[in-house]
Amino acid sequence: MRDIGSGPGGCLPVAIEVMTAYTDSADDPGFFWTSVQRVMADGADRADPAAAVAELVLGLSTLCGITLDHLAERAGPDSGPRDVLAAIQRAYVAEPPP
């Protein structure tokens, strides 16, 4: 994983790698799991494993934010990232938050 000194963008390559494995694993779910295990093992081998996990979370969060912005733009001028999140929640989460 890259050093986050360059900001959240420095964490994007690993996040994109993990999510690419996810999208490519429809025929072989083990492919995604293998990719996640390799990324986690690489992070565990670093001098600061906790920082590696934090960088992965930051990268995935940044990628999620970018994706939400793109989806909101395509949904129309009256839609924002919160609207996209609300639609995802309605579609995939059984219970709404309090």
N, C-alpha and C. Protein backbone atom coordinates (compact mmCIF):
# COMPACT_ATOMS: atom_id res chain seq x y z
N MET A 1 0.83 -1.18 0.00
CA MET A 1 0.00 0.00 0.00
C MET A 1 0.88 1.24 0.00
N ARG A 2 0.34 2.30 -0.56
CA ARG A 2 1.09 3.54 -0.64
C ARG A 2 0.96 4.34 0.65
N ASP A 3 1.88 5.26 0.82
CA ASP A 3 1.85 6.17 1.97
C ASP A 3 0.72 7.18 1.76
N ILE A 4 -0.08 7.44 2.79
CA ILE A 4 -1.18 8.38 2.63
C ILE A 4 -0.74 9.82 2.73
N GLY A 5 0.57 10.05 2.76
CA GLY A 5 1.06 11.42 2.77
C GLY A 5 0.57 12.21 1.58
N SER A 6 0.22 11.52 0.50
CA SER A 6 -0.29 12.20 -0.68
C SER A 6 -1.81 12.38 -0.61
N GLY A 7 -2.41 12.08 0.53
CA GLY A 7 -3.85 12.25 0.71
C GLY A 7 -4.60 10.98 0.35
N PRO A 8 -5.94 11.06 0.38
CA PRO A 8 -6.75 9.88 0.10
C PRO A 8 -6.45 9.27 -1.26
N GLY A 9 -6.07 10.10 -2.23
CA GLY A 9 -5.76 9.57 -3.56
C GLY A 9 -4.64 8.55 -3.54
N GLY A 10 -3.73 8.66 -2.58
CA GLY A 10 -2.63 7.71 -2.47
C GLY A 10 -3.10 6.32 -2.06
N CYS A 11 -4.30 6.24 -1.49
CA CYS A 11 -4.85 4.96 -1.06
C CYS A 11 -5.74 4.31 -2.12
N LEU A 12 -6.05 5.05 -3.17
CA LEU A 12 -6.98 4.54 -4.18
C LEU A 12 -6.49 3.31 -4.94
N PRO A 13 -5.21 3.18 -5.31
CA PRO A 13 -4.82 2.02 -6.10
C PRO A 13 -5.17 0.67 -5.46
N VAL A 14 -4.95 0.52 -4.17
CA VAL A 14 -5.27 -0.75 -3.51
C VAL A 14 -6.78 -0.94 -3.44
N ALA A 15 -7.52 0.13 -3.15
CA ALA A 15 -8.98 0.04 -3.10
C ALA A 15 -9.54 -0.34 -4.47
N ILE A 16 -9.00 0.25 -5.51
CA ILE A 16 -9.44 -0.09 -6.87
C ILE A 16 -9.10 -1.54 -7.19
N GLU A 17 -7.94 -1.98 -6.76
CA GLU A 17 -7.55 -3.38 -6.98
C GLU A 17 -8.54 -4.34 -6.32
N VAL A 18 -8.90 -4.06 -5.07
CA VAL A 18 -9.83 -4.92 -4.33
C VAL A 18 -11.21 -4.91 -5.00
N MET A 19 -11.68 -3.73 -5.37
CA MET A 19 -13.01 -3.65 -5.97
C MET A 19 -13.03 -4.20 -7.40
N THR A 20 -11.92 -4.12 -8.11
CA THR A 20 -11.84 -4.75 -9.42
C THR A 20 -11.93 -6.26 -9.26
N ALA A 21 -11.27 -6.80 -8.26
CA ALA A 21 -11.38 -8.23 -7.98
C ALA A 21 -12.82 -8.60 -7.66
N TYR A 22 -13.52 -7.73 -6.93
CA TYR A 22 -14.93 -7.98 -6.61
C TYR A 22 -15.77 -8.04 -7.89
N THR A 23 -15.58 -7.06 -8.77
CA THR A 23 -16.38 -7.04 -10.00
C THR A 23 -16.02 -8.19 -10.93
N ASP A 24 -14.80 -8.67 -10.85
CA ASP A 24 -14.36 -9.76 -11.72
C ASP A 24 -14.60 -11.15 -11.13
N SER A 25 -15.23 -11.22 -9.96
CA SER A 25 -15.36 -12.51 -9.28
C SER A 25 -16.73 -13.15 -9.42
N ALA A 26 -17.55 -12.68 -10.34
CA ALA A 26 -18.88 -13.26 -10.50
C ALA A 26 -18.82 -14.76 -10.79
N ASP A 27 -17.88 -15.17 -11.62
CA ASP A 27 -17.75 -16.59 -11.96
C ASP A 27 -16.89 -17.36 -10.97
N ASP A 28 -16.08 -16.64 -10.20
CA ASP A 28 -15.16 -17.28 -9.25
C ASP A 28 -15.06 -16.43 -7.99
N PRO A 29 -16.00 -16.59 -7.03
CA PRO A 29 -15.96 -15.79 -5.80
C PRO A 29 -14.65 -15.92 -5.04
N GLY A 30 -13.94 -17.01 -5.21
CA GLY A 30 -12.66 -17.19 -4.54
C GLY A 30 -11.62 -16.18 -5.00
N PHE A 31 -11.77 -15.66 -6.21
CA PHE A 31 -10.83 -14.68 -6.74
C PHE A 31 -10.83 -13.41 -5.88
N PHE A 32 -12.03 -12.95 -5.50
CA PHE A 32 -12.14 -11.77 -4.64
C PHE A 32 -11.50 -12.05 -3.28
N TRP A 33 -11.83 -13.18 -2.69
CA TRP A 33 -11.30 -13.53 -1.37
C TRP A 33 -9.78 -13.62 -1.40
N THR A 34 -9.23 -14.20 -2.45
CA THR A 34 -7.78 -14.30 -2.58
C THR A 34 -7.14 -12.92 -2.67
N SER A 35 -7.77 -12.02 -3.40
CA SER A 35 -7.26 -10.66 -3.52
C SER A 35 -7.27 -9.94 -2.17
N VAL A 36 -8.37 -10.07 -1.44
CA VAL A 36 -8.47 -9.43 -0.12
C VAL A 36 -7.41 -10.00 0.82
N GLN A 37 -7.24 -11.31 0.81
CA GLN A 37 -6.23 -11.94 1.67
C GLN A 37 -4.82 -11.44 1.34
N ARG A 38 -4.52 -11.29 0.05
CA ARG A 38 -3.20 -10.82 -0.35
C ARG A 38 -2.98 -9.38 0.10
N VAL A 39 -3.98 -8.52 -0.08
CA VAL A 39 -3.87 -7.13 0.35
C VAL A 39 -3.67 -7.06 1.86
N MET A 40 -4.43 -7.86 2.60
CA MET A 40 -4.30 -7.85 4.06
C MET A 40 -2.95 -8.40 4.49
N ALA A 41 -2.46 -9.44 3.83
CA ALA A 41 -1.14 -10.00 4.16
C ALA A 41 -0.04 -8.99 3.86
N ASP A 42 -0.16 -8.28 2.74
CA ASP A 42 0.82 -7.23 2.42
C ASP A 42 0.83 -6.17 3.51
N GLY A 43 -0.35 -5.78 3.96
CA GLY A 43 -0.44 -4.77 5.02
C GLY A 43 0.12 -5.27 6.34
N ALA A 44 -0.12 -6.55 6.64
CA ALA A 44 0.38 -7.13 7.90
C ALA A 44 1.90 -7.19 7.92
N ASP A 45 2.51 -7.26 6.75
CA ASP A 45 3.97 -7.31 6.66
C ASP A 45 4.63 -5.94 6.78
N ARG A 46 3.84 -4.90 6.79
CA ARG A 46 4.40 -3.55 6.90
C ARG A 46 4.82 -3.25 8.33
N ALA A 47 5.60 -2.21 8.49
CA ALA A 47 6.08 -1.82 9.83
C ALA A 47 4.91 -1.44 10.74
N ASP A 48 3.85 -0.88 10.17
CA ASP A 48 2.68 -0.47 10.95
C ASP A 48 1.42 -1.06 10.30
N PRO A 49 1.07 -2.31 10.67
CA PRO A 49 -0.08 -2.97 10.07
C PRO A 49 -1.40 -2.21 10.27
N ALA A 50 -1.54 -1.56 11.42
CA ALA A 50 -2.78 -0.80 11.67
C ALA A 50 -2.92 0.34 10.67
N ALA A 51 -1.82 0.98 10.33
CA ALA A 51 -1.85 2.06 9.34
C ALA A 51 -2.24 1.50 7.98
N ALA A 52 -1.79 0.30 7.66
CA ALA A 52 -2.14 -0.32 6.38
C ALA A 52 -3.65 -0.55 6.29
N VAL A 53 -4.25 -1.03 7.38
CA VAL A 53 -5.69 -1.25 7.40
C VAL A 53 -6.42 0.09 7.29
N ALA A 54 -5.92 1.10 8.01
CA ALA A 54 -6.53 2.43 7.94
C ALA A 54 -6.46 2.98 6.52
N GLU A 55 -5.34 2.76 5.84
CA GLU A 55 -5.19 3.23 4.46
C GLU A 55 -6.17 2.52 3.54
N LEU A 56 -6.38 1.23 3.75
CA LEU A 56 -7.34 0.49 2.94
C LEU A 56 -8.75 1.03 3.17
N VAL A 57 -9.11 1.26 4.43
CA VAL A 57 -10.44 1.81 4.74
C VAL A 57 -10.59 3.19 4.12
N LEU A 58 -9.56 4.04 4.24
CA LEU A 58 -9.61 5.37 3.64
C LEU A 58 -9.75 5.28 2.12
N GLY A 59 -9.00 4.37 1.51
CA GLY A 59 -9.09 4.20 0.06
C GLY A 59 -10.47 3.74 -0.38
N LEU A 60 -11.04 2.76 0.34
CA LEU A 60 -12.38 2.27 0.00
C LEU A 60 -13.43 3.36 0.23
N SER A 61 -13.27 4.14 1.30
CA SER A 61 -14.20 5.24 1.57
C SER A 61 -14.11 6.31 0.49
N THR A 62 -12.90 6.63 0.08
CA THR A 62 -12.70 7.62 -0.98
C THR A 62 -13.32 7.13 -2.28
N LEU A 63 -13.07 5.88 -2.61
CA LEU A 63 -13.64 5.30 -3.83
C LEU A 63 -15.17 5.30 -3.77
N CYS A 64 -15.71 4.99 -2.61
CA CYS A 64 -17.16 5.01 -2.42
C CYS A 64 -17.71 6.42 -2.64
N GLY A 65 -17.05 7.42 -2.07
CA GLY A 65 -17.48 8.81 -2.24
C GLY A 65 -17.46 9.24 -3.70
N ILE A 66 -16.40 8.89 -4.40
CA ILE A 66 -16.29 9.22 -5.82
C ILE A 66 -17.43 8.55 -6.60
N THR A 67 -17.67 7.28 -6.29
CA THR A 67 -18.73 6.54 -6.97
C THR A 67 -20.09 7.15 -6.69
N LEU A 68 -20.35 7.52 -5.44
CA LEU A 68 -21.63 8.15 -5.09
C LEU A 68 -21.82 9.45 -5.85
N ASP A 69 -20.77 10.25 -5.95
CA ASP A 69 -20.85 11.51 -6.69
C ASP A 69 -21.20 11.25 -8.16
N HIS A 70 -20.55 10.27 -8.76
CA HIS A 70 -20.82 9.95 -10.17
C HIS A 70 -22.25 9.44 -10.35
N LEU A 71 -22.71 8.57 -9.45
CA LEU A 71 -24.07 8.07 -9.54
C LEU A 71 -25.09 9.18 -9.36
N ALA A 72 -24.83 10.09 -8.43
CA ALA A 72 -25.74 11.21 -8.20
C ALA A 72 -25.81 12.11 -9.43
N GLU A 73 -24.67 12.37 -10.06
CA GLU A 73 -24.66 13.20 -11.27
C GLU A 73 -25.50 12.56 -12.37
N ARG A 74 -25.42 11.25 -12.49
CA ARG A 74 -26.17 10.55 -13.54
C ARG A 74 -27.65 10.41 -13.21
N ALA A 75 -27.99 10.50 -11.93
CA ALA A 75 -29.39 10.36 -11.52
C ALA A 75 -30.19 11.62 -11.83
N GLY A 76 -29.52 12.73 -12.01
CA GLY A 76 -30.22 13.97 -12.36
C GLY A 76 -29.86 15.11 -11.45
N PRO A 77 -30.26 16.32 -11.85
CA PRO A 77 -29.86 17.52 -11.10
C PRO A 77 -30.46 17.61 -9.70
N ASP A 78 -31.54 16.92 -9.45
CA ASP A 78 -32.17 16.98 -8.13
C ASP A 78 -31.70 15.88 -7.19
N SER A 79 -30.73 15.09 -7.62
CA SER A 79 -30.22 14.00 -6.79
C SER A 79 -28.81 14.30 -6.31
N GLY A 80 -28.55 13.92 -5.08
CA GLY A 80 -27.22 14.06 -4.52
C GLY A 80 -26.76 12.74 -3.95
N PRO A 81 -25.53 12.69 -3.44
CA PRO A 81 -25.02 11.45 -2.86
C PRO A 81 -25.91 10.88 -1.75
N ARG A 82 -26.52 11.75 -0.94
CA ARG A 82 -27.40 11.25 0.13
C ARG A 82 -28.62 10.53 -0.45
N ASP A 83 -29.12 11.03 -1.59
CA ASP A 83 -30.26 10.37 -2.24
C ASP A 83 -29.86 8.98 -2.73
N VAL A 84 -28.66 8.87 -3.27
CA VAL A 84 -28.17 7.57 -3.73
C VAL A 84 -28.03 6.62 -2.54
N LEU A 85 -27.46 7.11 -1.44
CA LEU A 85 -27.33 6.27 -0.24
C LEU A 85 -28.70 5.83 0.27
N ALA A 86 -29.67 6.74 0.26
CA ALA A 86 -31.01 6.39 0.73
C ALA A 86 -31.62 5.30 -0.16
N ALA A 87 -31.41 5.39 -1.47
CA ALA A 87 -31.93 4.37 -2.38
C ALA A 87 -31.25 3.02 -2.13
N ILE A 88 -29.95 3.04 -1.89
CA ILE A 88 -29.23 1.80 -1.58
C ILE A 88 -29.75 1.20 -0.28
N GLN A 89 -29.97 2.06 0.71
CA GLN A 89 -30.48 1.58 1.99
C GLN A 89 -31.85 0.93 1.81
N ARG A 90 -32.73 1.58 1.07
CA ARG A 90 -34.06 1.02 0.84
C ARG A 90 -33.98 -0.33 0.11
N ALA A 91 -33.04 -0.45 -0.81
CA ALA A 91 -32.95 -1.67 -1.61
C ALA A 91 -32.25 -2.82 -0.88
N TYR A 92 -31.29 -2.51 0.00
CA TYR A 92 -30.44 -3.58 0.54
C TYR A 92 -30.45 -3.73 2.06
N VAL A 93 -30.96 -2.76 2.78
CA VAL A 93 -30.93 -2.83 4.24
C VAL A 93 -32.35 -3.04 4.74
N ALA A 94 -32.54 -4.06 5.56
CA ALA A 94 -33.88 -4.42 6.02
C ALA A 94 -34.50 -3.36 6.92
N GLU A 95 -33.71 -2.81 7.83
CA GLU A 95 -34.26 -1.86 8.79
C GLU A 95 -33.61 -0.49 8.61
N PRO A 96 -34.43 0.57 8.49
CA PRO A 96 -33.84 1.90 8.39
C PRO A 96 -33.25 2.32 9.73
N PRO A 97 -32.28 3.22 9.70
CA PRO A 97 -31.68 3.68 10.97
C PRO A 97 -32.70 4.48 11.77
N PRO A 98 -32.50 4.57 13.09
CA PRO A 98 -33.47 5.31 13.93
C PRO A 98 -33.48 6.78 13.60
